[in-house]
């Protein structure tokens, strides 16, 4: 499995844990979903920037 895949699995697990905690705290489902989508977007951007290959110098 690639580094990006492992990074994304970690992000998804963190989002699920935070979403479950927010549910227990009594937040509305719509805000949990919005927060999850935002965190997933941030996780994808961070994962791509950390795992992409650098361009070779010319």
N, C-alpha and C. Protein backbone atom coordinates (compact mmCIF):
# COMPACT_ATOMS: atom_id res chain seq x y z
N UNK A 1 0.84 -1.17 0.00
CA UNK A 1 0.00 0.00 0.00
C UNK A 1 0.89 1.24 0.00
N UNK A 2 0.45 2.24 -0.72
CA UNK A 2 1.25 3.46 -0.83
C UNK A 2 1.19 4.29 0.45
N UNK A 3 2.11 5.22 0.55
CA UNK A 3 2.14 6.11 1.71
C UNK A 3 0.87 6.96 1.76
N UNK A 4 0.40 7.37 0.58
CA UNK A 4 -0.82 8.18 0.53
C UNK A 4 -2.01 7.39 1.05
N UNK A 5 -2.10 6.11 0.68
CA UNK A 5 -3.20 5.27 1.15
C UNK A 5 -3.20 5.13 2.66
N UNK A 6 -2.02 4.89 3.22
CA UNK A 6 -1.92 4.79 4.68
C UNK A 6 -2.27 6.10 5.36
N UNK A 7 -1.82 7.20 4.77
CA UNK A 7 -2.12 8.52 5.33
C UNK A 7 -3.63 8.76 5.31
N UNK A 8 -4.27 8.40 4.19
CA UNK A 8 -5.70 8.62 4.05
C UNK A 8 -6.50 7.73 5.01
N UNK A 9 -6.05 6.51 5.23
CA UNK A 9 -6.72 5.64 6.20
C UNK A 9 -6.64 6.24 7.60
N UNK A 10 -5.49 6.79 7.95
CA UNK A 10 -5.35 7.45 9.25
C UNK A 10 -6.26 8.66 9.39
N UNK A 11 -6.37 9.43 8.33
CA UNK A 11 -7.24 10.61 8.37
C UNK A 11 -8.70 10.19 8.53
N UNK A 12 -9.11 9.17 7.79
CA UNK A 12 -10.50 8.70 7.88
C UNK A 12 -10.80 8.16 9.28
N UNK A 13 -9.87 7.41 9.86
CA UNK A 13 -10.08 6.91 11.23
C UNK A 13 -10.18 8.06 12.23
N UNK A 14 -9.36 9.08 12.05
CA UNK A 14 -9.43 10.25 12.95
C UNK A 14 -10.77 10.96 12.80
N UNK A 15 -11.24 11.09 11.56
CA UNK A 15 -12.54 11.75 11.32
C UNK A 15 -13.66 10.95 11.95
N UNK A 16 -13.62 9.61 11.80
CA UNK A 16 -14.65 8.78 12.41
C UNK A 16 -14.66 8.91 13.92
N UNK A 17 -13.48 8.94 14.53
CA UNK A 17 -13.40 9.10 15.97
C UNK A 17 -13.93 10.44 16.44
N UNK A 18 -13.56 11.49 15.72
CA UNK A 18 -14.07 12.83 16.08
C UNK A 18 -15.57 12.94 15.85
N UNK A 19 -16.05 12.32 14.77
CA UNK A 19 -17.49 12.34 14.50
C UNK A 19 -18.28 11.60 15.57
N UNK A 20 -17.75 10.47 16.02
CA UNK A 20 -18.41 9.73 17.09
C UNK A 20 -18.43 10.55 18.39
N UNK A 21 -17.32 11.19 18.69
CA UNK A 21 -17.27 12.05 19.87
C UNK A 21 -18.24 13.22 19.78
N UNK A 22 -18.35 13.79 18.60
CA UNK A 22 -19.30 14.90 18.41
C UNK A 22 -20.74 14.40 18.56
N UNK A 23 -21.01 13.19 18.08
CA UNK A 23 -22.35 12.61 18.23
C UNK A 23 -22.69 12.41 19.70
N UNK A 24 -21.74 11.88 20.45
CA UNK A 24 -21.97 11.68 21.88
C UNK A 24 -22.16 13.02 22.59
N UNK A 25 -21.45 14.07 22.12
CA UNK A 25 -21.57 15.39 22.73
C UNK A 25 -22.90 16.07 22.39
N UNK A 26 -23.64 15.51 21.40
CA UNK A 26 -24.96 16.04 21.10
C UNK A 26 -25.02 17.01 19.94
N UNK A 27 -24.00 17.07 19.11
CA UNK A 27 -24.06 17.95 17.95
C UNK A 27 -25.03 17.40 16.91
N UNK A 28 -25.61 18.31 16.12
CA UNK A 28 -26.50 17.90 15.05
C UNK A 28 -25.71 17.16 13.98
N UNK A 29 -26.38 16.21 13.33
CA UNK A 29 -25.74 15.39 12.31
C UNK A 29 -25.21 16.23 11.15
N UNK A 30 -25.94 17.28 10.78
CA UNK A 30 -25.49 18.10 9.64
C UNK A 30 -24.14 18.75 9.92
N UNK A 31 -23.88 19.16 11.15
CA UNK A 31 -22.60 19.78 11.47
C UNK A 31 -21.48 18.75 11.56
N UNK A 32 -21.83 17.55 11.98
CA UNK A 32 -20.84 16.47 12.01
C UNK A 32 -20.41 16.14 10.58
N UNK A 33 -21.37 16.07 9.66
CA UNK A 33 -21.06 15.78 8.26
C UNK A 33 -20.23 16.91 7.65
N UNK A 34 -20.61 18.15 7.90
CA UNK A 34 -19.85 19.29 7.37
C UNK A 34 -18.42 19.26 7.88
N UNK A 35 -18.24 19.03 9.16
CA UNK A 35 -16.90 18.96 9.73
C UNK A 35 -16.10 17.80 9.15
N UNK A 36 -16.75 16.66 8.93
CA UNK A 36 -16.08 15.51 8.34
C UNK A 36 -15.62 15.77 6.92
N UNK A 37 -16.46 16.44 6.13
CA UNK A 37 -16.09 16.75 4.75
C UNK A 37 -14.92 17.73 4.71
N UNK A 38 -14.96 18.73 5.58
CA UNK A 38 -13.86 19.71 5.63
C UNK A 38 -12.56 19.03 6.05
N UNK A 39 -12.61 18.20 7.07
CA UNK A 39 -11.41 17.50 7.53
C UNK A 39 -10.89 16.52 6.48
N UNK A 40 -11.79 15.87 5.74
CA UNK A 40 -11.36 14.97 4.68
C UNK A 40 -10.64 15.75 3.58
N UNK A 41 -11.17 16.91 3.22
CA UNK A 41 -10.50 17.75 2.22
C UNK A 41 -9.13 18.20 2.68
N UNK A 42 -9.02 18.61 3.92
CA UNK A 42 -7.72 19.02 4.46
C UNK A 42 -6.77 17.83 4.49
N UNK A 43 -7.28 16.65 4.85
CA UNK A 43 -6.45 15.46 4.88
C UNK A 43 -5.94 15.06 3.52
N UNK A 44 -6.77 15.19 2.48
CA UNK A 44 -6.34 14.85 1.12
C UNK A 44 -5.26 15.82 0.65
N UNK A 45 -5.48 17.10 0.87
CA UNK A 45 -4.48 18.09 0.46
C UNK A 45 -3.16 17.86 1.19
N UNK A 46 -3.22 17.61 2.49
CA UNK A 46 -2.01 17.37 3.26
C UNK A 46 -1.33 16.08 2.81
N UNK A 47 -2.11 15.04 2.53
CA UNK A 47 -1.54 13.78 2.09
C UNK A 47 -0.85 13.88 0.75
N UNK A 48 -1.46 14.60 -0.17
CA UNK A 48 -0.84 14.79 -1.49
C UNK A 48 0.44 15.59 -1.37
N UNK A 49 0.42 16.63 -0.57
CA UNK A 49 1.61 17.47 -0.45
C UNK A 49 2.76 16.74 0.26
N UNK A 50 2.44 15.82 1.16
CA UNK A 50 3.49 15.11 1.90
C UNK A 50 4.02 13.88 1.16
N UNK A 51 3.20 13.29 0.31
CA UNK A 51 3.62 12.03 -0.31
C UNK A 51 3.95 12.14 -1.79
N UNK A 52 3.78 13.30 -2.41
CA UNK A 52 4.07 13.40 -3.84
C UNK A 52 5.57 13.36 -4.07
N UNK A 53 5.94 12.87 -5.22
CA UNK A 53 7.34 12.82 -5.57
C UNK A 53 7.82 14.18 -6.05
N UNK A 54 8.99 14.55 -5.66
CA UNK A 54 9.56 15.82 -6.07
C UNK A 54 9.99 15.73 -7.53
N UNK A 55 9.85 16.81 -8.26
CA UNK A 55 10.29 16.85 -9.64
C UNK A 55 11.81 16.82 -9.70
N UNK A 56 12.36 16.01 -10.60
CA UNK A 56 13.84 15.98 -10.71
C UNK A 56 14.35 17.28 -11.32
N UNK A 57 15.53 17.73 -10.89
CA UNK A 57 16.09 18.96 -11.46
C UNK A 57 16.52 18.74 -12.91
N UNK A 58 16.45 19.77 -13.72
CA UNK A 58 16.83 19.66 -15.15
C UNK A 58 18.29 19.88 -15.33
